Amino acid sequence: QVQLVESGGGLVQPGGPLRLSCAASGSIFSINVMRWYRQAPGKERELVAAITKAGSTNYADSVKGRFTISRDNAKNTVYLQMNSLKPEDTAVYYCNAPNLGVWGQGTPVTVSS
């Protein structure tokens, strides 16, 4: 069973960048879709970005143009590059492999001055 471990979260000022990583314990080459979700305090978990094995991506409207999802199958890692961060991006970010029903433990991101 593949396990996912997120990293890269932290405190960042508004307008700043942050890159999250999701490292898989096994190969992600055959996993078609990988996703990033986030959950802010008191809110439901929401889909932020997704990427297919072929490299097709889609994003939540709230992050389009600011966030970029990518995957490196050779390193079994999925990334989320977040630019122009806003306070409303504050949340715990989770990596997900929906076809396997696997979630990471989450990494917290706080955007504040």
C-alpha atoms as a PDB file:
ATOM      1  CA  GLN A   1       0.000   0.000   0.000  1.00  0.00           C
ATOM      2  CA  VAL A   2       1.427   3.356  -1.045  1.00  0.00           C
ATOM      3  CA  GLN A   3       1.812   5.916   1.722  1.00  0.00           C
ATOM      4  CA  LEU A   4       1.927   9.667   1.147  1.00  0.00           C
ATOM      5  CA  VAL A   5       3.927  12.168   3.202  1.00  0.00           C
ATOM      6  CA  GLU A   6       3.498  15.897   2.712  1.00  0.00           C
ATOM      7  CA  SER A   7       6.130  18.485   3.572  1.00  0.00           C
ATOM      8  CA  GLY A   8       7.006  22.102   2.921  1.00  0.00           C
ATOM      9  CA  GLY A   9       4.302  23.874   4.877  1.00  0.00           C
ATOM     10  CA  GLY A  10       4.959  26.752   7.206  1.00  0.00           C
ATOM     11  CA  LEU A  11       4.422  30.429   7.879  1.00  0.00           C
ATOM     12  CA  VAL A  12       4.694  32.805   4.924  1.00  0.00           C
ATOM     13  CA  GLN A  13       3.870  36.457   4.419  1.00  0.00           C
ATOM     14  CA  PRO A  14       1.068  37.508   2.081  1.00  0.00           C
ATOM     15  CA  GLY A  15       2.323  37.632  -1.483  1.00  0.00           C
ATOM     16  CA  GLY A  16       5.062  35.120  -0.805  1.00  0.00           C
ATOM     17  CA  PRO A  17       5.711  31.699  -2.339  1.00  0.00           C
ATOM     18  CA  LEU A  18       5.792  28.230  -0.862  1.00  0.00           C
ATOM     19  CA  ARG A  19       6.312  24.815  -2.416  1.00  0.00           C
ATOM     20  CA  LEU A  20       4.691  21.719  -0.991  1.00  0.00           C
ATOM     21  CA  SER A  21       5.908  18.209  -1.679  1.00  0.00           C
ATOM     22  CA  CYS A  22       4.088  14.902  -1.469  1.00  0.00           C
ATOM     23  CA  ALA A  23       6.445  11.950  -1.362  1.00  0.00           C
ATOM     24  CA  ALA A  24       5.057   8.488  -2.016  1.00  0.00           C
ATOM     25  CA  SER A  25       6.512   5.365  -0.435  1.00  0.00           C
ATOM     26  CA  GLY A  26       6.069   3.509  -3.693  1.00  0.00           C
ATOM     27  CA  SER A  27       5.895   4.202  -7.392  1.00  0.00           C
ATOM     28  CA  ILE A  28       3.321   6.729  -8.546  1.00  0.00           C
ATOM     29  CA  PHE A  29       4.015   6.021 -12.193  1.00  0.00           C
ATOM     30  CA  SER A  30       0.883   3.917 -12.567  1.00  0.00           C
ATOM     31  CA  ILE A  31      -1.321   6.186 -10.440  1.00  0.00           C
ATOM     32  CA  ASN A  32      -3.452   8.130 -12.888  1.00  0.00           C
ATOM     33  CA  VAL A  33      -4.623  11.019 -10.752  1.00  0.00           C
ATOM     34  CA  MET A  34      -2.914  12.783  -7.860  1.00  0.00           C
ATOM     35  CA  ARG A  35      -4.632  15.599  -6.013  1.00  0.00           C
ATOM     36  CA  TRP A  36      -3.989  18.328  -3.470  1.00  0.00           C
ATOM     37  CA  TYR A  37      -6.765  19.281  -1.076  1.00  0.00           C
ATOM     38  CA  ARG A  38      -6.887  21.802   1.728  1.00  0.00           C
ATOM     39  CA  GLN A  39      -8.970  22.290   4.817  1.00  0.00           C
ATOM     40  CA  ALA A  40      -9.190  25.615   6.595  1.00  0.00           C
ATOM     41  CA  PRO A  41     -10.312  25.840  10.239  1.00  0.00           C
ATOM     42  CA  GLY A  42     -14.067  25.385  10.493  1.00  0.00           C
ATOM     43  CA  LYS A  43     -14.447  24.632   6.791  1.00  0.00           C
ATOM     44  CA  GLU A  44     -14.872  21.541   4.676  1.00  0.00           C
ATOM     45  CA  ARG A  45     -11.969  19.994   2.819  1.00  0.00           C
ATOM     46  CA  GLU A  46     -11.778  21.345  -0.736  1.00  0.00           C
ATOM     47  CA  LEU A  47     -10.018  20.233  -3.888  1.00  0.00           C
ATOM     48  CA  VAL A  48      -7.195  22.592  -4.831  1.00  0.00           C
ATOM     49  CA  ALA A  49      -5.496  20.954  -7.796  1.00  0.00           C
ATOM     50  CA  ALA A  50      -5.215  17.670  -9.658  1.00  0.00           C
ATOM     51  CA  ILE A  51      -2.822  16.166 -12.169  1.00  0.00           C
ATOM     52  CA  THR A  52      -3.144  13.081 -14.330  1.00  0.00           C
ATOM     53  CA  LYS A  53      -0.467  10.615 -15.347  1.00  0.00           C
ATOM     54  CA  ALA A  54      -0.373  12.330 -18.726  1.00  0.00           C
ATOM     55  CA  GLY A  55       0.218  15.688 -17.096  1.00  0.00           C
ATOM     56  CA  SER A  56      -3.197  17.252 -17.515  1.00  0.00           C
ATOM     57  CA  THR A  57      -4.033  19.617 -14.693  1.00  0.00           C
ATOM     58  CA  ASN A  58      -7.007  21.391 -13.237  1.00  0.00           C
ATOM     59  CA  TYR A  59      -7.377  23.891 -10.436  1.00  0.00           C
ATOM     60  CA  ALA A  60      -9.922  25.413  -8.130  1.00  0.00           C
ATOM     61  CA  ASP A  61     -10.980  28.842  -9.367  1.00  0.00           C
ATOM     62  CA  SER A  62      -9.602  30.403  -6.195  1.00  0.00           C
ATOM     63  CA  VAL A  63      -6.022  29.332  -6.989  1.00  0.00           C
ATOM     64  CA  LYS A  64      -5.912  29.496 -10.797  1.00  0.00           C
ATOM     65  CA  GLY A  65      -2.955  31.492 -12.010  1.00  0.00           C
ATOM     66  CA  ARG A  66      -1.254  31.325  -8.604  1.00  0.00           C
ATOM     67  CA  PHE A  67      -0.756  27.608  -7.904  1.00  0.00           C
ATOM     68  CA  THR A  68       0.936  24.996 -10.083  1.00  0.00           C
ATOM     69  CA  ILE A  69       0.719  21.242  -9.557  1.00  0.00           C
ATOM     70  CA  SER A  70       3.389  18.980 -11.008  1.00  0.00           C
ATOM     71  CA  ARG A  71       4.636  15.449 -10.623  1.00  0.00           C
ATOM     72  CA  ASP A  72       8.010  13.763 -10.906  1.00  0.00           C
ATOM     73  CA  ASN A  73       7.343  10.072 -11.435  1.00  0.00           C
ATOM     74  CA  ALA A  74      11.043   9.250 -11.188  1.00  0.00           C
ATOM     75  CA  LYS A  75      11.108  10.708  -7.666  1.00  0.00           C
ATOM     76  CA  ASN A  76       7.603   9.471  -6.774  1.00  0.00           C
ATOM     77  CA  THR A  77       6.737  13.000  -5.746  1.00  0.00           C
ATOM     78  CA  VAL A  78       3.962  15.457  -6.456  1.00  0.00           C
ATOM     79  CA  TYR A  79       4.486  19.168  -5.909  1.00  0.00           C
ATOM     80  CA  LEU A  80       2.293  22.188  -5.354  1.00  0.00           C
ATOM     81  CA  GLN A  81       3.990  25.481  -6.124  1.00  0.00           C
ATOM     82  CA  MET A  82       2.028  28.270  -4.479  1.00  0.00           C
ATOM     83  CA  ASN A  83       2.705  31.881  -5.437  1.00  0.00           C
ATOM     84  CA  SER A  84       1.084  35.174  -4.461  1.00  0.00           C
ATOM     85  CA  LEU A  85      -0.259  33.595  -1.312  1.00  0.00           C
ATOM     86  CA  LYS A  86      -3.200  35.182   0.457  1.00  0.00           C
ATOM     87  CA  PRO A  87      -4.381  34.898   4.054  1.00  0.00           C
ATOM     88  CA  GLU A  88      -7.375  32.911   2.786  1.00  0.00           C
ATOM     89  CA  ASP A  89      -4.961  30.217   1.575  1.00  0.00           C
ATOM     90  CA  THR A  90      -4.267  29.363   5.207  1.00  0.00           C
ATOM     91  CA  ALA A  91      -5.179  25.708   5.697  1.00  0.00           C
ATOM     92  CA  VAL A  92      -3.828  22.220   6.176  1.00  0.00           C
ATOM     93  CA  TYR A  93      -2.881  20.853   2.763  1.00  0.00           C
ATOM     94  CA  TYR A  94      -3.327  17.172   1.979  1.00  0.00           C
ATOM     95  CA  CYS A  95      -2.069  14.973  -0.803  1.00  0.00           C
ATOM     96  CA  ASN A  96      -4.449  12.327  -2.172  1.00  0.00           C
ATOM     97  CA  ALA A  97      -4.365   9.380  -4.538  1.00  0.00           C
ATOM     98  CA  PRO A  98      -8.094   8.901  -5.140  1.00  0.00           C
ATOM     99  CA  ASN A  99      -7.829   5.597  -7.021  1.00  0.00           C
ATOM    100  CA  LEU A 100      -6.049   4.076  -4.016  1.00  0.00           C
ATOM    101  CA  GLY A 101      -8.058   5.841  -1.337  1.00  0.00           C
ATOM    102  CA  VAL A 102      -4.817   7.065   0.226  1.00  0.00           C
ATOM    103  CA  TRP A 103      -4.309  10.360   2.060  1.00  0.00           C
ATOM    104  CA  GLY A 104      -1.252  11.970   3.573  1.00  0.00           C
ATOM    105  CA  GLN A 105      -1.198  13.374   7.104  1.00  0.00           C
ATOM    106  CA  GLY A 106      -1.280  16.968   5.905  1.00  0.00           C
ATOM    107  CA  THR A 107       1.071  19.924   6.148  1.00  0.00           C
ATOM    108  CA  PRO A 108      -0.089  23.258   7.604  1.00  0.00           C
ATOM    109  CA  VAL A 109       0.257  26.508   5.700  1.00  0.00           C
ATOM    110  CA  THR A 110      -0.254  29.846   7.417  1.00  0.00           C
ATOM    111  CA  VAL A 111      -0.272  33.061   5.417  1.00  0.00           C
ATOM    112  CA  SER A 112       0.078  36.009   7.745  1.00  0.00           C
ATOM    113  CA  SER A 113       2.114  39.136   8.262  1.00  0.00           C
END
